[in-house]
Amino acid sequence: MSASKLDPFAPFGPFLVQVMGQKLTLASGCVRVHKNGIQFKCRQEFQPWTEMTVELESPQDSDRIHAHGIVVACAGSRHAGYTVSMVFTQLSPQSKARLDSLAAAGYSM
């Protein structure tokens, strides 16, 4: 048997995506954090170069990360769902620092 290390970061709450006035709320377990963006699973397909507004909220300290980004890839099917890769184009210095720390830890939400 091996011991496992507890994740030092609390999971984020629901993941809110806004696309052209439409809001999507995704389960917290389907999001991966990367240094310059995120990757998430959803039931809706998005075209590359679609602009999105993203909001992540932590239930631990109610910190929110607000970001604007662009879809760079979307793969999958309507039956299995889609994996969407998004690169952030605008982040505040505080949000960038928080995202960098999550990405460095290899954090998945």
PDB file of N, CA and C in Angstrom:
ATOM      1  N   MET A   1       0.829  -1.177   0.000  1.00  0.00           N
ATOM      2  CA  MET A   1       0.000   0.000   0.000  1.00  0.00           C
ATOM      3  C   MET A   1       0.873   1.240   0.000  1.00  0.00           C
ATOM      4  N   SER A   2       0.426   2.278  -0.659  1.00  0.00           N
ATOM      5  CA  SER A   2       1.183   3.518  -0.666  1.00  0.00           C
ATOM      6  C   SER A   2       0.328   4.643  -0.097  1.00  0.00           C
ATOM      7  N   ALA A   3       0.995   5.557   0.522  1.00  0.00           N
ATOM      8  CA  ALA A   3       0.280   6.709   1.078  1.00  0.00           C
ATOM      9  C   ALA A   3       0.073   7.732  -0.029  1.00  0.00           C
ATOM     10  N   SER A   4      -1.035   8.397   0.016  1.00  0.00           N
ATOM     11  CA  SER A   4      -1.284   9.438  -0.982  1.00  0.00           C
ATOM     12  C   SER A   4      -1.256  10.802  -0.303  1.00  0.00           C
ATOM     13  N   LYS A   5      -0.847  11.785  -1.052  1.00  0.00           N
ATOM     14  CA  LYS A   5      -0.761  13.146  -0.541  1.00  0.00           C
ATOM     15  C   LYS A   5      -2.077  13.863  -0.815  1.00  0.00           C
ATOM     16  N   LEU A   6      -2.565  14.599   0.162  1.00  0.00           N
ATOM     17  CA  LEU A   6      -3.781  15.372  -0.035  1.00  0.00           C
ATOM     18  C   LEU A   6      -3.497  16.574  -0.917  1.00  0.00           C
ATOM     19  N   ASP A   7      -4.434  16.905  -1.743  1.00  0.00           N
ATOM     20  CA  ASP A   7      -4.316  18.067  -2.615  1.00  0.00           C
ATOM     21  C   ASP A   7      -4.382  19.333  -1.760  1.00  0.00           C
ATOM     22  N   PRO A   8      -3.379  20.209  -1.837  1.00  0.00           N
ATOM     23  CA  PRO A   8      -3.375  21.406  -0.996  1.00  0.00           C
ATOM     24  C   PRO A   8      -4.394  22.453  -1.412  1.00  0.00           C
ATOM     25  N   PHE A   9      -4.977  22.319  -2.592  1.00  0.00           N
ATOM     26  CA  PHE A   9      -5.949  23.292  -3.074  1.00  0.00           C
ATOM     27  C   PHE A   9      -7.354  22.745  -2.936  1.00  0.00           C
ATOM     28  N   ALA A  10      -8.251  23.575  -2.468  1.00  0.00           N
ATOM     29  CA  ALA A  10      -9.648  23.165  -2.395  1.00  0.00           C
ATOM     30  C   ALA A  10     -10.219  23.168  -3.810  1.00  0.00           C
ATOM     31  N   PRO A  11     -11.121  22.265  -4.127  1.00  0.00           N
ATOM     32  CA  PRO A  11     -11.695  22.264  -5.465  1.00  0.00           C
ATOM     33  C   PRO A  11     -12.531  23.515  -5.698  1.00  0.00           C
ATOM     34  N   PHE A  12     -12.567  23.927  -6.930  1.00  0.00           N
ATOM     35  CA  PHE A  12     -13.386  25.077  -7.273  1.00  0.00           C
ATOM     36  C   PHE A  12     -14.831  24.632  -7.371  1.00  0.00           C
ATOM     37  N   GLY A  13     -15.699  25.595  -7.195  1.00  0.00           N
ATOM     38  CA  GLY A  13     -17.123  25.329  -7.315  1.00  0.00           C
ATOM     39  C   GLY A  13     -17.503  25.213  -8.779  1.00  0.00           C
ATOM     40  N   PRO A  14     -18.750  25.371  -9.095  1.00  0.00           N
ATOM     41  CA  PRO A  14     -19.174  25.246 -10.487  1.00  0.00           C
ATOM     42  C   PRO A  14     -18.395  26.206 -11.387  1.00  0.00           C
ATOM     43  N   PHE A  15     -18.172  25.768 -12.581  1.00  0.00           N
ATOM     44  CA  PHE A  15     -17.404  26.492 -13.573  1.00  0.00           C
ATOM     45  C   PHE A  15     -18.392  27.177 -14.491  1.00  0.00           C
ATOM     46  N   LEU A  16     -18.333  28.503 -14.575  1.00  0.00           N
ATOM     47  CA  LEU A  16     -19.281  29.276 -15.364  1.00  0.00           C
ATOM     48  C   LEU A  16     -18.610  29.792 -16.620  1.00  0.00           C
ATOM     49  N   VAL A  17     -19.190  29.492 -17.782  1.00  0.00           N
ATOM     50  CA  VAL A  17     -18.677  29.951 -19.068  1.00  0.00           C
ATOM     51  C   VAL A  17     -19.762  30.776 -19.737  1.00  0.00           C
ATOM     52  N   GLN A  18     -19.401  31.933 -20.250  1.00  0.00           N
ATOM     53  CA  GLN A  18     -20.349  32.769 -20.982  1.00  0.00           C
ATOM     54  C   GLN A  18     -19.865  32.912 -22.414  1.00  0.00           C
ATOM     55  N   VAL A  19     -20.735  32.551 -23.347  1.00  0.00           N
ATOM     56  CA  VAL A  19     -20.413  32.641 -24.763  1.00  0.00           C
ATOM     57  C   VAL A  19     -21.545  33.363 -25.463  1.00  0.00           C
ATOM     58  N   MET A  20     -21.244  34.519 -26.038  1.00  0.00           N
ATOM     59  CA  MET A  20     -22.233  35.299 -26.774  1.00  0.00           C
ATOM     60  C   MET A  20     -23.567  35.388 -26.035  1.00  0.00           C
ATOM     61  N   GLY A  21     -23.518  35.739 -24.756  1.00  0.00           N
ATOM     62  CA  GLY A  21     -24.726  35.908 -23.964  1.00  0.00           C
ATOM     63  C   GLY A  21     -25.291  34.632 -23.372  1.00  0.00           C
ATOM     64  N   GLN A  22     -24.770  33.484 -23.756  1.00  0.00           N
ATOM     65  CA  GLN A  22     -25.244  32.197 -23.244  1.00  0.00           C
ATOM     66  C   GLN A  22     -24.337  31.754 -22.099  1.00  0.00           C
ATOM     67  N   LYS A  23     -24.925  31.294 -20.998  1.00  0.00           N
ATOM     68  CA  LYS A  23     -24.153  30.849 -19.841  1.00  0.00           C
ATOM     69  C   LYS A  23     -24.204  29.330 -19.728  1.00  0.00           C
ATOM     70  N   LEU A  24     -23.047  28.726 -19.490  1.00  0.00           N
ATOM     71  CA  LEU A  24     -22.946  27.291 -19.248  1.00  0.00           C
ATOM     72  C   LEU A  24     -22.326  27.086 -17.880  1.00  0.00           C
ATOM     73  N   THR A  25     -22.887  26.191 -17.086  1.00  0.00           N
ATOM     74  CA  THR A  25     -22.301  25.837 -15.808  1.00  0.00           C
ATOM     75  C   THR A  25     -21.823  24.399 -15.915  1.00  0.00           C
ATOM     76  N   LEU A  26     -20.528  24.183 -15.680  1.00  0.00           N
ATOM     77  CA  LEU A  26     -19.930  22.866 -15.817  1.00  0.00           C
ATOM     78  C   LEU A  26     -19.552  22.317 -14.451  1.00  0.00           C
ATOM     79  N   ALA A  27     -19.558  21.006 -14.330  1.00  0.00           N
ATOM     80  CA  ALA A  27     -19.154  20.360 -13.081  1.00  0.00           C
ATOM     81  C   ALA A  27     -17.688  20.659 -12.802  1.00  0.00           C
ATOM     82  N   SER A  28     -17.338  20.761 -11.537  1.00  0.00           N
ATOM     83  CA  SER A  28     -15.981  21.153 -11.166  1.00  0.00           C
ATOM     84  C   SER A  28     -14.941  20.096 -11.518  1.00  0.00           C
ATOM     85  N   GLY A  29     -15.317  18.838 -11.661  1.00  0.00           N
ATOM     86  CA  GLY A  29     -14.351  17.779 -11.934  1.00  0.00           C
ATOM     87  C   GLY A  29     -13.926  17.669 -13.378  1.00  0.00           C
ATOM     88  N   CYS A  30     -14.446  18.494 -14.249  1.00  0.00           N
ATOM     89  CA  CYS A  30     -14.147  18.341 -15.675  1.00  0.00           C
ATOM     90  C   CYS A  30     -13.261  19.449 -16.222  1.00  0.00           C
ATOM     91  N   VAL A  31     -12.492  20.114 -15.374  1.00  0.00           N
ATOM     92  CA  VAL A  31     -11.663  21.233 -15.807  1.00  0.00           C
ATOM     93  C   VAL A  31     -10.207  20.977 -15.437  1.00  0.00           C
ATOM     94  N   ARG A  32      -9.287  21.194 -16.391  1.00  0.00           N
ATOM     95  CA  ARG A  32      -7.848  21.118 -16.141  1.00  0.00           C
ATOM     96  C   ARG A  32      -7.266  22.505 -16.295  1.00  0.00           C
ATOM     97  N   VAL A  33      -6.420  22.869 -15.359  1.00  0.00           N
ATOM     98  CA  VAL A  33      -5.804  24.193 -15.376  1.00  0.00           C
ATOM     99  C   VAL A  33      -4.416  24.078 -15.995  1.00  0.00           C
ATOM    100  N   HIS A  34      -4.124  24.963 -16.929  1.00  0.00           N
ATOM    101  CA  HIS A  34      -2.812  25.059 -17.556  1.00  0.00           C
ATOM    102  C   HIS A  34      -2.275  26.464 -17.327  1.00  0.00           C
ATOM    103  N   LYS A  35      -1.002  26.661 -17.616  1.00  0.00           N
ATOM    104  CA  LYS A  35      -0.361  27.943 -17.355  1.00  0.00           C
ATOM    105  C   LYS A  35      -1.042  29.103 -18.080  1.00  0.00           C
ATOM    106  N   ASN A  36      -1.458  28.896 -19.317  1.00  0.00           N
ATOM    107  CA  ASN A  36      -2.034  29.994 -20.103  1.00  0.00           C
ATOM    108  C   ASN A  36      -3.498  29.796 -20.442  1.00  0.00           C
ATOM    109  N   GLY A  37      -4.139  28.813 -19.812  1.00  0.00           N
ATOM    110  CA  GLY A  37      -5.544  28.580 -20.128  1.00  0.00           C
ATOM    111  C   GLY A  37      -6.098  27.380 -19.387  1.00  0.00           C
ATOM    112  N   ILE A  38      -7.190  26.862 -19.921  1.00  0.00           N
ATOM    113  CA  ILE A  38      -7.852  25.718 -19.312  1.00  0.00           C
ATOM    114  C   ILE A  38      -8.338  24.763 -20.396  1.00  0.00           C
ATOM    115  N   GLN A  39      -8.665  23.567 -19.958  1.00  0.00           N
ATOM    116  CA  GLN A  39      -9.266  22.572 -20.824  1.00  0.00           C
ATOM    117  C   GLN A  39     -10.441  21.999 -20.051  1.00  0.00           C
ATOM    118  N   PHE A  40     -11.586  21.850 -20.718  1.00  0.00           N
ATOM    119  CA  PHE A  40     -12.751  21.337 -20.008  1.00  0.00           C
ATOM    120  C   PHE A  40     -13.610  20.479 -20.916  1.00  0.00           C
ATOM    121  N   LYS A  41     -14.403  19.621 -20.289  1.00  0.00           N
ATOM    122  CA  LYS A  41     -15.353  18.769 -21.006  1.00  0.00           C
ATOM    123  C   LYS A  41     -16.734  19.398 -20.890  1.00  0.00           C
ATOM    124  N   CYS A  42     -17.463  19.368 -21.997  1.00  0.00           N
ATOM    125  CA  CYS A  42     -18.836  19.843 -21.966  1.00  0.00           C
ATOM    126  C   CYS A  42     -19.630  19.142 -23.060  1.00  0.00           C
ATOM    127  N   ARG A  43     -20.927  19.339 -23.036  1.00  0.00           N
ATOM    128  CA  ARG A  43     -21.806  18.691 -24.004  1.00  0.00           C
ATOM    129  C   ARG A  43     -21.984  19.515 -25.270  1.00  0.00           C
ATOM    130  N   GLN A  44     -21.527  20.748 -25.259  1.00  0.00           N
ATOM    131  CA  GLN A  44     -21.713  21.637 -26.396  1.00  0.00           C
ATOM    132  C   GLN A  44     -20.407  21.804 -27.168  1.00  0.00           C
ATOM    133  N   GLU A  45     -20.501  21.823 -28.481  1.00  0.00           N
ATOM    134  CA  GLU A  45     -19.341  22.044 -29.339  1.00  0.00           C
ATOM    135  C   GLU A  45     -19.121  23.541 -29.540  1.00  0.00           C
ATOM    136  N   PHE A  46     -17.863  23.952 -29.547  1.00  0.00           N
ATOM    137  CA  PHE A  46     -17.507  25.340 -29.800  1.00  0.00           C
ATOM    138  C   PHE A  46     -16.553  25.394 -30.982  1.00  0.00           C
ATOM    139  N   GLN A  47     -16.741  26.377 -31.823  1.00  0.00           N
ATOM    140  CA  GLN A  47     -15.868  26.573 -32.969  1.00  0.00           C
ATOM    141  C   GLN A  47     -14.562  27.225 -32.510  1.00  0.00           C
ATOM    142  N   PRO A  48     -13.428  26.854 -33.130  1.00  0.00           N
ATOM    143  CA  PRO A  48     -12.176  27.543 -32.822  1.00  0.00           C
ATOM    144  C   PRO A  48     -12.327  29.039 -33.059  1.00  0.00           C
ATOM    145  N   TRP A  49     -11.637  29.820 -32.259  1.00  0.00           N
ATOM    146  CA  TRP A  49     -11.610  31.273 -32.270  1.00  0.00           C
ATOM    147  C   TRP A  49     -12.865  31.898 -31.662  1.00  0.00           C
ATOM    148  N   THR A  50     -13.698  31.071 -31.024  1.00  0.00           N
ATOM    149  CA  THR A  50     -14.843  31.609 -30.282  1.00  0.00           C
ATOM    150  C   THR A  50     -14.332  32.290 -29.024  1.00  0.00           C
ATOM    151  N   GLU A  51     -14.778  33.522 -28.775  1.00  0.00           N
ATOM    152  CA  GLU A  51     -14.378  34.244 -27.572  1.00  0.00           C
ATOM    153  C   GLU A  51     -15.289  33.847 -26.415  1.00  0.00           C
ATOM    154  N   MET A  52     -14.698  33.702 -25.229  1.00  0.00           N
ATOM    155  CA  MET A  52     -15.451  33.308 -24.041  1.00  0.00           C
ATOM    156  C   MET A  52     -15.024  34.143 -22.846  1.00  0.00           C
ATOM    157  N   THR A  53     -15.937  34.265 -21.895  1.00  0.00           N
ATOM    158  CA  THR A  53     -15.641  34.841 -20.595  1.00  0.00           C
ATOM    159  C   THR A  53     -15.789  33.713 -19.580  1.00  0.00           C
ATOM    160  N   VAL A  54     -14.802  33.568 -18.710  1.00  0.00           N
ATOM    161  CA  VAL A  54     -14.775  32.461 -17.754  1.00  0.00           C
ATOM    162  C   VAL A  54     -14.702  33.009 -16.341  1.00  0.00           C
ATOM    163  N   GLU A  55     -15.404  32.348 -15.433  1.00  0.00           N
ATOM    164  CA  GLU A  55     -15.343  32.702 -14.020  1.00  0.00           C
ATOM    165  C   GLU A  55     -15.183  31.418 -13.216  1.00  0.00           C
ATOM    166  N   LEU A  56     -14.134  31.367 -12.402  1.00  0.00           N
ATOM    167  CA  LEU A  56     -13.891  30.248 -11.495  1.00  0.00           C
ATOM    168  C   LEU A  56     -14.021  30.770 -10.077  1.00  0.00           C
ATOM    169  N   GLU A  57     -14.690  30.017  -9.229  1.00  0.00           N
ATOM    170  CA  GLU A  57     -14.869  30.454  -7.839  1.00  0.00           C
ATOM    171  C   GLU A  57     -14.474  29.335  -6.896  1.00  0.00           C
ATOM    172  N   SER A  58     -13.670  29.671  -5.912  1.00  0.00           N
ATOM    173  CA  SER A  58     -13.240  28.717  -4.905  1.00  0.00           C
ATOM    174  C   SER A  58     -14.166  28.785  -3.696  1.00  0.00           C
ATOM    175  N   PRO A  59     -14.743  27.663  -3.272  1.00  0.00           N
ATOM    176  CA  PRO A  59     -15.604  27.679  -2.094  1.00  0.00           C
ATOM    177  C   PRO A  59     -14.814  27.888  -0.802  1.00  0.00           C
ATOM    178  N   GLN A  60     -13.502  27.652  -0.840  1.00  0.00           N
ATOM    179  CA  GLN A  60     -12.676  27.783   0.352  1.00  0.00           C
ATOM    180  C   GLN A  60     -12.545  29.241   0.794  1.00  0.00           C
ATOM    181  N   ASP A  61     -12.239  30.125  -0.149  1.00  0.00           N
ATOM    182  CA  ASP A  61     -12.011  31.512   0.234  1.00  0.00           C
ATOM    183  C   ASP A  61     -12.814  32.506  -0.603  1.00  0.00           C
ATOM    184  N   SER A  62     -13.715  32.029  -1.418  1.00  0.00           N
ATOM    185  CA  SER A  62     -14.575  32.840  -2.287  1.00  0.00           C
ATOM    186  C   SER A  62     -13.797  33.709  -3.271  1.00  0.00           C
ATOM    187  N   ASP A  63     -12.513  33.383  -3.494  1.00  0.00           N
ATOM    188  CA  ASP A  63     -11.750  34.076  -4.529  1.00  0.00           C
ATOM    189  C   ASP A  63     -12.290  33.683  -5.886  1.00  0.00           C
ATOM    190  N   ARG A  64     -12.371  34.661  -6.764  1.00  0.00           N
ATOM    191  CA  ARG A  64     -12.837  34.386  -8.120  1.00  0.00           C
ATOM    192  C   ARG A  64     -11.738  34.737  -9.111  1.00  0.00           C
ATOM    193  N   ILE A  65     -11.643  33.936 -10.136  1.00  0.00           N
ATOM    194  CA  ILE A  65     -10.755  34.224 -11.249  1.00  0.00           C
ATOM    195  C   ILE A  65     -11.653  34.557 -12.427  1.00  0.00           C
ATOM    196  N   HIS A  66     -11.504  35.778 -12.950  1.00  0.00           N
ATOM    197  CA  HIS A  66     -12.249  36.212 -14.129  1.00  0.00           C
ATOM    198  C   HIS A  66     -11.256  36.272 -15.283  1.00  0.00           C
ATOM    199  N   ALA A  67     -11.639  35.715 -16.417  1.00  0.00           N
ATOM    200  CA  ALA A  67     -10.736  35.724 -17.559  1.00  0.00           C
ATOM    201  C   ALA A  67     -11.508  35.739 -18.862  1.00  0.00           C
ATOM    202  N   HIS A  68     -10.884  36.309 -19.851  1.00  0.00           N
ATOM    203  CA  HIS A  68     -11.401  36.269 -21.212  1.00  0.00           C
ATOM    204  C   HIS A  68     -10.455  35.377 -21.992  1.00  0.00           C
ATOM    205  N   GLY A  69     -10.998  34.626 -22.926  1.00  0.00           N
ATOM    206  CA  GLY A  69     -10.146  33.744 -23.687  1.00  0.00           C
ATOM    207  C   GLY A  69     -10.735  33.378 -25.027  1.00  0.00           C
ATOM    208  N   ILE A  70      -9.981  32.558 -25.753  1.00  0.00           N
ATOM    209  CA  ILE A  70     -10.357  32.116 -27.088  1.00  0.00           C
ATOM    210  C   ILE A  70     -10.228  30.601 -27.156  1.00  0.00           C
ATOM    211  N   VAL A  71     -11.219  29.957 -27.753  1.00  0.00           N
ATOM    212  CA  VAL A  71     -11.169  28.513 -27.972  1.00  0.00           C
ATOM    213  C   VAL A  71     -10.144  28.236 -29.064  1.00  0.00           C
ATOM    214  N   VAL A  72      -9.180  27.372 -28.762  1.00  0.00           N
ATOM    215  CA  VAL A  72      -8.166  27.025 -29.757  1.00  0.00           C
ATOM    216  C   VAL A  72      -8.371  25.617 -30.310  1.00  0.00           C
ATOM    217  N   ALA A  73      -9.149  24.790 -29.609  1.00  0.00           N
ATOM    218  CA  ALA A  73      -9.441  23.446 -30.096  1.00  0.00           C
ATOM    219  C   ALA A  73     -10.705  22.924 -29.425  1.00  0.00           C
ATOM    220  N   CYS A  74     -11.421  22.093 -30.166  1.00  0.00           N
ATOM    221  CA  CYS A  74     -12.617  21.447 -29.642  1.00  0.00           C
ATOM    222  C   CYS A  74     -12.735  20.104 -30.344  1.00  0.00           C
ATOM    223  N   ALA A  75     -12.610  19.017 -29.580  1.00  0.00           N
ATOM    224  CA  ALA A  75     -12.648  17.680 -30.160  1.00  0.00           C
ATOM    225  C   ALA A  75     -13.652  16.818 -29.407  1.00  0.00           C
ATOM    226  N   GLY A  76     -14.287  15.888 -30.114  1.00  0.00           N
ATOM    227  CA  GLY A  76     -15.226  14.974 -29.486  1.00  0.00           C
ATOM    228  C   GLY A  76     -16.439  14.753 -30.358  1.00  0.00           C
ATOM    229  N   SER A  77     -17.511  14.326 -29.706  1.00  0.00           N
ATOM    230  CA  SER A  77     -18.763  14.072 -30.422  1.00  0.00           C
ATOM    231  C   SER A  77     -19.928  14.458 -29.534  1.00  0.00           C
ATOM    232  N   ARG A  78     -21.093  14.583 -30.135  1.00  0.00           N
ATOM    233  CA  ARG A  78     -22.261  14.957 -29.336  1.00  0.00           C
ATOM    234  C   ARG A  78     -22.683  13.847 -28.391  1.00  0.00           C
ATOM    235  N   HIS A  79     -22.254  12.611 -28.661  1.00  0.00           N
ATOM    236  CA  HIS A  79     -22.605  11.490 -27.794  1.00  0.00           C
ATOM    237  C   HIS A  79     -21.668  11.372 -26.595  1.00  0.00           C
ATOM    238  N   ALA A  80     -20.382  11.586 -26.827  1.00  0.00           N
ATOM    239  CA  ALA A  80     -19.385  11.432 -25.759  1.00  0.00           C
ATOM    240  C   ALA A  80     -19.036  12.749 -25.087  1.00  0.00           C
ATOM    241  N   GLY A  81     -19.434  13.864 -25.680  1.00  0.00           N
ATOM    242  CA  GLY A  81     -19.070  15.172 -25.157  1.00  0.00           C
ATOM    243  C   GLY A  81     -17.844  15.710 -25.870  1.00  0.00           C
ATOM    244  N   TYR A  82     -17.537  16.959 -25.600  1.00  0.00           N
ATOM    245  CA  TYR A  82     -16.431  17.641 -26.271  1.00  0.00           C
ATOM    246  C   TYR A  82     -15.383  18.062 -25.258  1.00  0.00           C
ATOM    247  N   THR A  83     -14.129  18.016 -25.680  1.00  0.00           N
ATOM    248  CA  THR A  83     -13.034  18.550 -24.885  1.00  0.00           C
ATOM    249  C   THR A  83     -12.641  19.868 -25.521  1.00  0.00           C
ATOM    250  N   VAL A  84     -12.791  20.944 -24.749  1.00  0.00           N
ATOM    251  CA  VAL A  84     -12.543  22.293 -25.248  1.00  0.00           C
ATOM    252  C   VAL A  84     -11.247  22.820 -24.631  1.00  0.00           C
ATOM    253  N   SER A  85     -10.354  23.311 -25.477  1.00  0.00           N
ATOM    254  CA  SER A  85      -9.114  23.941 -25.010  1.00  0.00           C
ATOM    255  C   SER A  85      -9.216  25.435 -25.240  1.00  0.00           C
ATOM    256  N   MET A  86      -8.927  26.177 -24.204  1.00  0.00           N
ATOM    257  CA  MET A  86      -9.093  27.623 -24.239  1.00  0.00           C
ATOM    258  C   MET A  86      -7.830  28.304 -23.733  1.00  0.00           C
ATOM    259  N   VAL A  87      -7.392  29.334 -24.447  1.00  0.00           N
ATOM    260  CA  VAL A  87      -6.235  30.130 -24.047  1.00  0.00           C
ATOM    261  C   VAL A  87      -6.751  31.465 -23.540  1.00  0.00           C
ATOM    262  N   PHE A  88      -6.236  31.907 -22.392  1.00  0.00           N
ATOM    263  CA  PHE A  88      -6.651  33.188 -21.836  1.00  0.00           C
ATOM    264  C   PHE A  88      -5.947  34.325 -22.553  1.00  0.00           C
ATOM    265  N   THR A  89      -6.686  35.394 -22.816  1.00  0.00           N
ATOM    266  CA  THR A  89      -6.117  36.562 -23.481  1.00  0.00           C
ATOM    267  C   THR A  89      -6.005  37.754 -22.536  1.00  0.00           C
ATOM    268  N   GLN A  90      -6.801  37.784 -21.486  1.00  0.00           N
ATOM    269  CA  GLN A  90      -6.769  38.894 -20.532  1.00  0.00           C
ATOM    270  C   GLN A  90      -6.923  38.331 -19.125  1.00  0.00           C
ATOM    271  N   LEU A  91      -5.918  38.565 -18.297  1.00  0.00           N
ATOM    272  CA  LEU A  91      -5.975  38.165 -16.890  1.00  0.00           C
ATOM    273  C   LEU A  91      -5.411  39.293 -16.041  1.00  0.00           C
ATOM    274  N   SER A  92      -6.021  39.516 -14.889  1.00  0.00           N
ATOM    275  CA  SER A  92      -5.446  40.477 -13.951  1.00  0.00           C
ATOM    276  C   SER A  92      -4.184  39.845 -13.360  1.00  0.00           C
ATOM    277  N   PRO A  93      -3.266  40.640 -12.839  1.00  0.00           N
ATOM    278  CA  PRO A  93      -2.061  40.074 -12.228  1.00  0.00           C
ATOM    279  C   PRO A  93      -2.382  39.100 -11.082  1.00  0.00           C
ATOM    280  N   GLN A  94      -3.418  39.384 -10.298  1.00  0.00           N
ATOM    281  CA  GLN A  94      -3.798  38.493  -9.200  1.00  0.00           C
ATOM    282  C   GLN A  94      -4.329  37.166  -9.739  1.00  0.00           C
ATOM    283  N   SER A  95      -5.168  37.229 -10.756  1.00  0.00           N
ATOM    284  CA  SER A  95      -5.716  36.005 -11.343  1.00  0.00           C
ATOM    285  C   SER A  95      -4.617  35.188 -12.003  1.00  0.00           C
ATOM    286  N   LYS A  96      -3.676  35.863 -12.673  1.00  0.00           N
ATOM    287  CA  LYS A  96      -2.557  35.169 -13.317  1.00  0.00           C
ATOM    288  C   LYS A  96      -1.713  34.441 -12.286  1.00  0.00           C
ATOM    289  N   ALA A  97      -1.437  35.086 -11.159  1.00  0.00           N
ATOM    290  CA  ALA A  97      -0.642  34.460 -10.102  1.00  0.00           C
ATOM    291  C   ALA A  97      -1.360  33.236  -9.532  1.00  0.00           C
ATOM    292  N   ARG A  98      -2.648  33.354  -9.298  1.00  0.00           N
ATOM    293  CA  ARG A  98      -3.433  32.228  -8.762  1.00  0.00           C
ATOM    294  C   ARG A  98      -3.466  31.077  -9.765  1.00  0.00           C
ATOM    295  N   LEU A  99      -3.678  31.395 -11.036  1.00  0.00           N
ATOM    296  CA  LEU A  99      -3.723  30.375 -12.078  1.00  0.00           C
ATOM    297  C   LEU A  99      -2.364  29.700 -12.251  1.00  0.00           C
ATOM    298  N   ASP A 100      -1.286  30.485 -12.202  1.00  0.00           N
ATOM    299  CA  ASP A 100       0.060  29.920 -12.310  1.00  0.00           C
ATOM    300  C   ASP A 100       0.350  28.935 -11.189  1.00  0.00           C
ATOM    301  N   SER A 101      -0.085  29.257  -9.975  1.00  0.00           N
ATOM    302  CA  SER A 101       0.163  28.350  -8.848  1.00  0.00           C
ATOM    303  C   SER A 101      -0.636  27.054  -8.998  1.00  0.00           C
ATOM    304  N   LEU A 102      -1.841  27.158  -9.516  1.00  0.00           N
ATOM    305  CA  LEU A 102      -2.645  25.951  -9.750  1.00  0.00           C
ATOM    306  C   LEU A 102      -2.042  25.102 -10.863  1.00  0.00           C
ATOM    307  N   ALA A 103      -1.599  25.755 -11.934  1.00  0.00           N
ATOM    308  CA  ALA A 103      -1.008  25.030 -13.063  1.00  0.00           C
ATOM    309  C   ALA A 103       0.302  24.370 -12.665  1.00  0.00           C
ATOM    310  N   ALA A 104       1.121  25.052 -11.860  1.00  0.00           N
ATOM    311  CA  ALA A 104       2.402  24.494 -11.420  1.00  0.00           C
ATOM    312  C   ALA A 104       2.198  23.246 -10.584  1.00  0.00           C
ATOM    313  N   ALA A 105       1.097  23.186  -9.868  1.00  0.00           N
ATOM    314  CA  ALA A 105       0.807  22.024  -9.037  1.00  0.00           C
ATOM    315  C   ALA A 105       0.136  20.906  -9.843  1.00  0.00           C
ATOM    316  N   GLY A 106      -0.103  21.153 -11.145  1.00  0.00           N
ATOM    317  CA  GLY A 106      -0.755  20.146 -11.983  1.00  0.00           C
ATOM    318  C   GLY A 106      -2.197  19.921 -11.559  1.00  0.00           C
ATOM    319  N   TYR A 107      -2.848  20.979 -11.184  1.00  0.00           N
ATOM    320  CA  TYR A 107      -4.177  20.900 -10.597  1.00  0.00           C
ATOM    321  C   TYR A 107      -5.265  20.686 -11.636  1.00  0.00           C
ATOM    322  N   SER A 108      -6.145  19.760 -11.341  1.00  0.00           N
ATOM    323  CA  SER A 108      -7.353  19.541 -12.140  1.00  0.00           C
ATOM    324  C   SER A 108      -8.531  19.830 -11.251  1.00  0.00           C
ATOM    325  N   MET A 109      -9.519  20.490 -11.807  1.00  0.00           N
ATOM    326  CA  MET A 109     -10.710  20.802 -11.030  1.00  0.00           C
ATOM    327  C   MET A 109     -11.794  19.826 -11.373  1.00  0.00           C
TER     328      MET A 109
END
